[in-house]
């Protein structure tokens, strides 16, 4: 059995600022709350999409750009 080790160029690793980490957390929390509202019938699918679009602008994050909302 052969194990291949992957080496990462340390220059390619990006460090997040405190503000960016805060935005990531806030976006994920807003997504979770909005999803709960949708599942409980408090908002429609269209309202969910509108709220999540607003959340993407309110909490600009790396995750909001790649997560399917």
PDB file of N, CA and C in Angstrom:
ATOM      1  N   UNK A   1       0.845  -1.176   0.000  1.00  0.00           N
ATOM      2  CA  UNK A   1       0.000   0.000   0.000  1.00  0.00           C
ATOM      3  C   UNK A   1       0.890   1.239   0.000  1.00  0.00           C
ATOM      4  N   UNK A   2       0.607   2.137  -0.904  1.00  0.00           N
ATOM      5  CA  UNK A   2       1.393   3.364  -1.015  1.00  0.00           C
ATOM      6  C   UNK A   2       0.526   4.552  -0.622  1.00  0.00           C
ATOM      7  N   UNK A   3       1.070   5.404   0.206  1.00  0.00           N
ATOM      8  CA  UNK A   3       0.353   6.601   0.632  1.00  0.00           C
ATOM      9  C   UNK A   3       1.009   7.803  -0.016  1.00  0.00           C
ATOM     10  N   UNK A   4       0.215   8.554  -0.735  1.00  0.00           N
ATOM     11  CA  UNK A   4       0.723   9.766  -1.377  1.00  0.00           C
ATOM     12  C   UNK A   4       0.454  10.956  -0.484  1.00  0.00           C
ATOM     13  N   UNK A   5       1.470  11.722  -0.227  1.00  0.00           N
ATOM     14  CA  UNK A   5       1.302  12.926   0.574  1.00  0.00           C
ATOM     15  C   UNK A   5       1.143  14.116  -0.350  1.00  0.00           C
ATOM     16  N   UNK A   6       0.167  14.909  -0.059  1.00  0.00           N
ATOM     17  CA  UNK A   6      -0.076  16.115  -0.838  1.00  0.00           C
ATOM     18  C   UNK A   6       0.526  17.300  -0.100  1.00  0.00           C
ATOM     19  N   UNK A   7       1.333  18.050  -0.777  1.00  0.00           N
ATOM     20  CA  UNK A   7       1.927  19.240  -0.178  1.00  0.00           C
ATOM     21  C   UNK A   7       1.247  20.466  -0.752  1.00  0.00           C
ATOM     22  N   UNK A   8       0.890  21.369   0.126  1.00  0.00           N
ATOM     23  CA  UNK A   8       0.226  22.604  -0.274  1.00  0.00           C
ATOM     24  C   UNK A   8       1.215  23.743  -0.201  1.00  0.00           C
ATOM     25  N   UNK A   9       1.244  24.540  -1.249  1.00  0.00           N
ATOM     26  CA  UNK A   9       2.087  25.727  -1.250  1.00  0.00           C
ATOM     27  C   UNK A   9       1.509  26.709  -0.244  1.00  0.00           C
ATOM     28  N   UNK A  10       2.257  27.029   0.785  1.00  0.00           N
ATOM     29  CA  UNK A  10       1.746  27.892   1.854  1.00  0.00           C
ATOM     30  C   UNK A  10       1.359  29.277   1.340  1.00  0.00           C
ATOM     31  N   UNK A  11       1.896  29.677   0.219  1.00  0.00           N
ATOM     32  CA  UNK A  11       1.536  30.975  -0.347  1.00  0.00           C
ATOM     33  C   UNK A  11       0.110  30.965  -0.898  1.00  0.00           C
ATOM     34  N   UNK A  12      -0.414  29.785  -1.218  1.00  0.00           N
ATOM     35  CA  UNK A  12      -1.746  29.679  -1.809  1.00  0.00           C
ATOM     36  C   UNK A  12      -2.850  29.676  -0.754  1.00  0.00           C
ATOM     37  N   UNK A  13      -2.488  29.503   0.505  1.00  0.00           N
ATOM     38  CA  UNK A  13      -3.489  29.471   1.570  1.00  0.00           C
ATOM     39  C   UNK A  13      -3.886  30.890   1.935  1.00  0.00           C
ATOM     40  N   UNK A  14      -5.193  31.131   1.916  1.00  0.00           N
ATOM     41  CA  UNK A  14      -5.713  32.462   2.198  1.00  0.00           C
ATOM     42  C   UNK A  14      -6.185  32.527   3.636  1.00  0.00           C
ATOM     43  N   UNK A  15      -5.820  33.560   4.341  1.00  0.00           N
ATOM     44  CA  UNK A  15      -6.275  33.746   5.713  1.00  0.00           C
ATOM     45  C   UNK A  15      -7.466  34.700   5.722  1.00  0.00           C
ATOM     46  N   UNK A  16      -8.474  34.331   6.492  1.00  0.00           N
ATOM     47  CA  UNK A  16      -9.665  35.161   6.623  1.00  0.00           C
ATOM     48  C   UNK A  16      -9.456  36.226   7.695  1.00  0.00           C
ATOM     49  N   UNK A  17     -10.060  37.377   7.467  1.00  0.00           N
ATOM     50  CA  UNK A  17     -10.068  38.413   8.499  1.00  0.00           C
ATOM     51  C   UNK A  17     -11.205  38.098   9.474  1.00  0.00           C
ATOM     52  N   UNK A  18     -11.193  38.754  10.619  1.00  0.00           N
ATOM     53  CA  UNK A  18     -12.264  38.561  11.599  1.00  0.00           C
ATOM     54  C   UNK A  18     -13.615  38.950  11.000  1.00  0.00           C
ATOM     55  N   UNK A  19     -13.640  40.008  10.213  1.00  0.00           N
ATOM     56  CA  UNK A  19     -14.887  40.463   9.581  1.00  0.00           C
ATOM     57  C   UNK A  19     -15.404  39.427   8.579  1.00  0.00           C
ATOM     58  N   UNK A  20     -14.510  38.826   7.803  1.00  0.00           N
ATOM     59  CA  UNK A  20     -14.924  37.804   6.838  1.00  0.00           C
ATOM     60  C   UNK A  20     -15.480  36.570   7.551  1.00  0.00           C
ATOM     61  N   UNK A  21     -14.841  36.167   8.634  1.00  0.00           N
ATOM     62  CA  UNK A  21     -15.335  35.024   9.399  1.00  0.00           C
ATOM     63  C   UNK A  21     -16.705  35.323  10.005  1.00  0.00           C
ATOM     64  N   UNK A  22     -16.879  36.549  10.480  1.00  0.00           N
ATOM     65  CA  UNK A  22     -18.169  36.963  11.041  1.00  0.00           C
ATOM     66  C   UNK A  22     -19.250  36.903   9.962  1.00  0.00           C
ATOM     67  N   UNK A  23     -18.938  37.377   8.758  1.00  0.00           N
ATOM     68  CA  UNK A  23     -19.898  37.328   7.651  1.00  0.00           C
ATOM     69  C   UNK A  23     -20.246  35.887   7.286  1.00  0.00           C
ATOM     70  N   UNK A  24     -19.246  34.997   7.272  1.00  0.00           N
ATOM     71  CA  UNK A  24     -19.498  33.583   6.975  1.00  0.00           C
ATOM     72  C   UNK A  24     -20.478  33.005   7.993  1.00  0.00           C
ATOM     73  N   UNK A  25     -20.219  33.247   9.282  1.00  0.00           N
ATOM     74  CA  UNK A  25     -21.091  32.733  10.338  1.00  0.00           C
ATOM     75  C   UNK A  25     -22.499  33.314  10.214  1.00  0.00           C
ATOM     76  N   UNK A  26     -22.584  34.617  10.034  1.00  0.00           N
ATOM     77  CA  UNK A  26     -23.897  35.268   9.934  1.00  0.00           C
ATOM     78  C   UNK A  26     -24.682  34.768   8.726  1.00  0.00           C
ATOM     79  N   UNK A  27     -24.000  34.554   7.605  1.00  0.00           N
ATOM     80  CA  UNK A  27     -24.671  34.038   6.414  1.00  0.00           C
ATOM     81  C   UNK A  27     -25.219  32.634   6.674  1.00  0.00           C
ATOM     82  N   UNK A  28     -24.391  31.771   7.258  1.00  0.00           N
ATOM     83  CA  UNK A  28     -24.835  30.404   7.523  1.00  0.00           C
ATOM     84  C   UNK A  28     -25.995  30.375   8.517  1.00  0.00           C
ATOM     85  N   UNK A  29     -25.939  31.223   9.515  1.00  0.00           N
ATOM     86  CA  UNK A  29     -27.022  31.294  10.502  1.00  0.00           C
ATOM     87  C   UNK A  29     -28.310  31.814   9.847  1.00  0.00           C
ATOM     88  N   UNK A  30     -28.194  32.838   9.019  1.00  0.00           N
ATOM     89  CA  UNK A  30     -29.367  33.372   8.315  1.00  0.00           C
ATOM     90  C   UNK A  30     -29.961  32.319   7.386  1.00  0.00           C
ATOM     91  N   UNK A  31     -29.108  31.550   6.721  1.00  0.00           N
ATOM     92  CA  UNK A  31     -29.569  30.478   5.836  1.00  0.00           C
ATOM     93  C   UNK A  31     -30.323  29.423   6.637  1.00  0.00           C
ATOM     94  N   UNK A  32     -29.799  29.080   7.803  1.00  0.00           N
ATOM     95  CA  UNK A  32     -30.443  28.085   8.657  1.00  0.00           C
ATOM     96  C   UNK A  32     -31.816  28.575   9.138  1.00  0.00           C
ATOM     97  N   UNK A  33     -31.879  29.796   9.605  1.00  0.00           N
ATOM     98  CA  UNK A  33     -33.146  30.351  10.107  1.00  0.00           C
ATOM     99  C   UNK A  33     -34.170  30.457   8.984  1.00  0.00           C
ATOM    100  N   UNK A  34     -33.737  30.933   7.826  1.00  0.00           N
ATOM    101  CA  UNK A  34     -34.641  31.074   6.686  1.00  0.00           C
ATOM    102  C   UNK A  34     -35.154  29.712   6.238  1.00  0.00           C
ATOM    103  N   UNK A  35     -34.284  28.703   6.251  1.00  0.00           N
ATOM    104  CA  UNK A  35     -34.694  27.344   5.904  1.00  0.00           C
ATOM    105  C   UNK A  35     -35.728  26.792   6.875  1.00  0.00           C
ATOM    106  N   UNK A  36     -35.555  27.086   8.165  1.00  0.00           N
ATOM    107  CA  UNK A  36     -36.535  26.647   9.170  1.00  0.00           C
ATOM    108  C   UNK A  36     -37.875  27.330   8.940  1.00  0.00           C
ATOM    109  N   UNK A  37     -37.844  28.606   8.598  1.00  0.00           N
ATOM    110  CA  UNK A  37     -39.087  29.332   8.324  1.00  0.00           C
ATOM    111  C   UNK A  37     -39.813  28.708   7.136  1.00  0.00           C
ATOM    112  N   UNK A  38     -39.053  28.347   6.109  1.00  0.00           N
ATOM    113  CA  UNK A  38     -39.636  27.721   4.926  1.00  0.00           C
ATOM    114  C   UNK A  38     -40.239  26.363   5.281  1.00  0.00           C
ATOM    115  N   UNK A  39     -39.507  25.556   6.017  1.00  0.00           N
ATOM    116  CA  UNK A  39     -39.995  24.212   6.349  1.00  0.00           C
ATOM    117  C   UNK A  39     -41.220  24.243   7.262  1.00  0.00           C
ATOM    118  N   UNK A  40     -41.396  25.297   8.022  1.00  0.00           N
ATOM    119  CA  UNK A  40     -42.560  25.427   8.912  1.00  0.00           C
ATOM    120  C   UNK A  40     -43.735  26.131   8.239  1.00  0.00           C
ATOM    121  N   UNK A  41     -43.550  26.496   6.968  1.00  0.00           N
ATOM    122  CA  UNK A  41     -44.632  27.121   6.225  1.00  0.00           C
ATOM    123  C   UNK A  41     -44.842  28.591   6.542  1.00  0.00           C
ATOM    124  N   UNK A  42     -43.860  29.212   7.181  1.00  0.00           N
ATOM    125  CA  UNK A  42     -43.989  30.627   7.526  1.00  0.00           C
ATOM    126  C   UNK A  42     -43.701  31.540   6.339  1.00  0.00           C
ATOM    127  N   UNK A  43     -42.943  31.024   5.374  1.00  0.00           N
ATOM    128  CA  UNK A  43     -42.651  31.769   4.147  1.00  0.00           C
ATOM    129  C   UNK A  43     -42.789  30.819   2.959  1.00  0.00           C
ATOM    130  N   UNK A  44     -42.999  31.396   1.787  1.00  0.00           N
ATOM    131  CA  UNK A  44     -43.099  30.595   0.566  1.00  0.00           C
ATOM    132  C   UNK A  44     -41.709  30.377  -0.023  1.00  0.00           C
ATOM    133  N   UNK A  45     -41.638  29.493  -1.015  1.00  0.00           N
ATOM    134  CA  UNK A  45     -40.369  29.240  -1.710  1.00  0.00           C
ATOM    135  C   UNK A  45     -39.857  30.520  -2.381  1.00  0.00           C
ATOM    136  N   UNK A  46     -40.773  31.299  -2.957  1.00  0.00           N
ATOM    137  CA  UNK A  46     -40.371  32.562  -3.588  1.00  0.00           C
ATOM    138  C   UNK A  46     -39.808  33.539  -2.560  1.00  0.00           C
ATOM    139  N   UNK A  47     -40.463  33.612  -1.399  1.00  0.00           N
ATOM    140  CA  UNK A  47     -39.959  34.489  -0.335  1.00  0.00           C
ATOM    141  C   UNK A  47     -38.592  34.017   0.158  1.00  0.00           C
ATOM    142  N   UNK A  48     -38.430  32.701   0.250  1.00  0.00           N
ATOM    143  CA  UNK A  48     -37.134  32.133   0.653  1.00  0.00           C
ATOM    144  C   UNK A  48     -36.032  32.590  -0.305  1.00  0.00           C
ATOM    145  N   UNK A  49     -36.313  32.474  -1.600  1.00  0.00           N
ATOM    146  CA  UNK A  49     -35.307  32.879  -2.600  1.00  0.00           C
ATOM    147  C   UNK A  49     -34.984  34.368  -2.494  1.00  0.00           C
ATOM    148  N   UNK A  50     -36.005  35.191  -2.282  1.00  0.00           N
ATOM    149  CA  UNK A  50     -35.779  36.638  -2.141  1.00  0.00           C
ATOM    150  C   UNK A  50     -34.945  36.957  -0.896  1.00  0.00           C
ATOM    151  N   UNK A  51     -35.281  36.307   0.212  1.00  0.00           N
ATOM    152  CA  UNK A  51     -34.538  36.543   1.454  1.00  0.00           C
ATOM    153  C   UNK A  51     -33.087  36.099   1.298  1.00  0.00           C
ATOM    154  N   UNK A  52     -32.873  34.941   0.682  1.00  0.00           N
ATOM    155  CA  UNK A  52     -31.501  34.449   0.526  1.00  0.00           C
ATOM    156  C   UNK A  52     -30.698  35.326  -0.435  1.00  0.00           C
ATOM    157  N   UNK A  53     -31.347  35.883  -1.440  1.00  0.00           N
ATOM    158  CA  UNK A  53     -30.655  36.819  -2.329  1.00  0.00           C
ATOM    159  C   UNK A  53     -30.221  38.055  -1.546  1.00  0.00           C
ATOM    160  N   UNK A  54     -31.083  38.522  -0.664  1.00  0.00           N
ATOM    161  CA  UNK A  54     -30.745  39.671   0.183  1.00  0.00           C
ATOM    162  C   UNK A  54     -29.622  39.312   1.159  1.00  0.00           C
ATOM    163  N   UNK A  55     -29.678  38.104   1.704  1.00  0.00           N
ATOM    164  CA  UNK A  55     -28.623  37.666   2.625  1.00  0.00           C
ATOM    165  C   UNK A  55     -27.254  37.629   1.948  1.00  0.00           C
ATOM    166  N   UNK A  56     -27.240  37.260   0.673  1.00  0.00           N
ATOM    167  CA  UNK A  56     -25.966  37.216  -0.053  1.00  0.00           C
ATOM    168  C   UNK A  56     -25.339  38.602  -0.164  1.00  0.00           C
ATOM    169  N   UNK A  57     -26.166  39.634  -0.270  1.00  0.00           N
ATOM    170  CA  UNK A  57     -25.616  40.991  -0.350  1.00  0.00           C
ATOM    171  C   UNK A  57     -25.331  41.563   1.033  1.00  0.00           C
ATOM    172  N   UNK A  58     -26.139  41.159   2.025  1.00  0.00           N
ATOM    173  CA  UNK A  58     -25.936  41.644   3.390  1.00  0.00           C
ATOM    174  C   UNK A  58     -24.690  41.039   4.020  1.00  0.00           C
ATOM    175  N   UNK A  59     -24.465  39.754   3.761  1.00  0.00           N
ATOM    176  CA  UNK A  59     -23.319  39.035   4.321  1.00  0.00           C
ATOM    177  C   UNK A  59     -22.446  38.507   3.182  1.00  0.00           C
ATOM    178  N   UNK A  60     -21.663  39.376   2.542  1.00  0.00           N
ATOM    179  CA  UNK A  60     -20.833  38.911   1.427  1.00  0.00           C
ATOM    180  C   UNK A  60     -19.797  37.902   1.926  1.00  0.00           C
ATOM    181  N   UNK A  61     -19.861  36.687   1.387  1.00  0.00           N
ATOM    182  CA  UNK A  61     -18.973  35.627   1.842  1.00  0.00           C
ATOM    183  C   UNK A  61     -18.497  34.779   0.687  1.00  0.00           C
ATOM    184  N   UNK A  62     -17.488  34.001   0.957  1.00  0.00           N
ATOM    185  CA  UNK A  62     -17.023  33.013  -0.004  1.00  0.00           C
ATOM    186  C   UNK A  62     -18.081  31.923  -0.154  1.00  0.00           C
ATOM    187  N   UNK A  63     -18.649  31.476   0.954  1.00  0.00           N
ATOM    188  CA  UNK A  63     -19.630  30.392   0.918  1.00  0.00           C
ATOM    189  C   UNK A  63     -20.896  30.764   0.164  1.00  0.00           C
ATOM    190  N   UNK A  64     -21.355  31.993   0.315  1.00  0.00           N
ATOM    191  CA  UNK A  64     -22.593  32.381  -0.368  1.00  0.00           C
ATOM    192  C   UNK A  64     -22.438  32.319  -1.879  1.00  0.00           C
ATOM    193  N   UNK A  65     -21.218  32.465  -2.344  1.00  0.00           N
ATOM    194  CA  UNK A  65     -20.972  32.411  -3.784  1.00  0.00           C
ATOM    195  C   UNK A  65     -20.988  30.980  -4.310  1.00  0.00           C
ATOM    196  N   UNK A  66     -20.703  29.995  -3.451  1.00  0.00           N
ATOM    197  CA  UNK A  66     -20.613  28.618  -3.931  1.00  0.00           C
ATOM    198  C   UNK A  66     -21.751  27.718  -3.470  1.00  0.00           C
ATOM    199  N   UNK A  67     -22.458  28.114  -2.400  1.00  0.00           N
ATOM    200  CA  UNK A  67     -23.553  27.283  -1.908  1.00  0.00           C
ATOM    201  C   UNK A  67     -24.798  27.482  -2.752  1.00  0.00           C
ATOM    202  N   UNK A  68     -25.499  26.396  -3.004  1.00  0.00           N
ATOM    203  CA  UNK A  68     -26.745  26.466  -3.755  1.00  0.00           C
ATOM    204  C   UNK A  68     -27.858  26.872  -2.810  1.00  0.00           C
ATOM    205  N   UNK A  69     -28.455  27.999  -3.081  1.00  0.00           N
ATOM    206  CA  UNK A  69     -29.544  28.483  -2.214  1.00  0.00           C
ATOM    207  C   UNK A  69     -30.832  28.294  -2.931  1.00  0.00           C
TER     208      UNK A  69
END
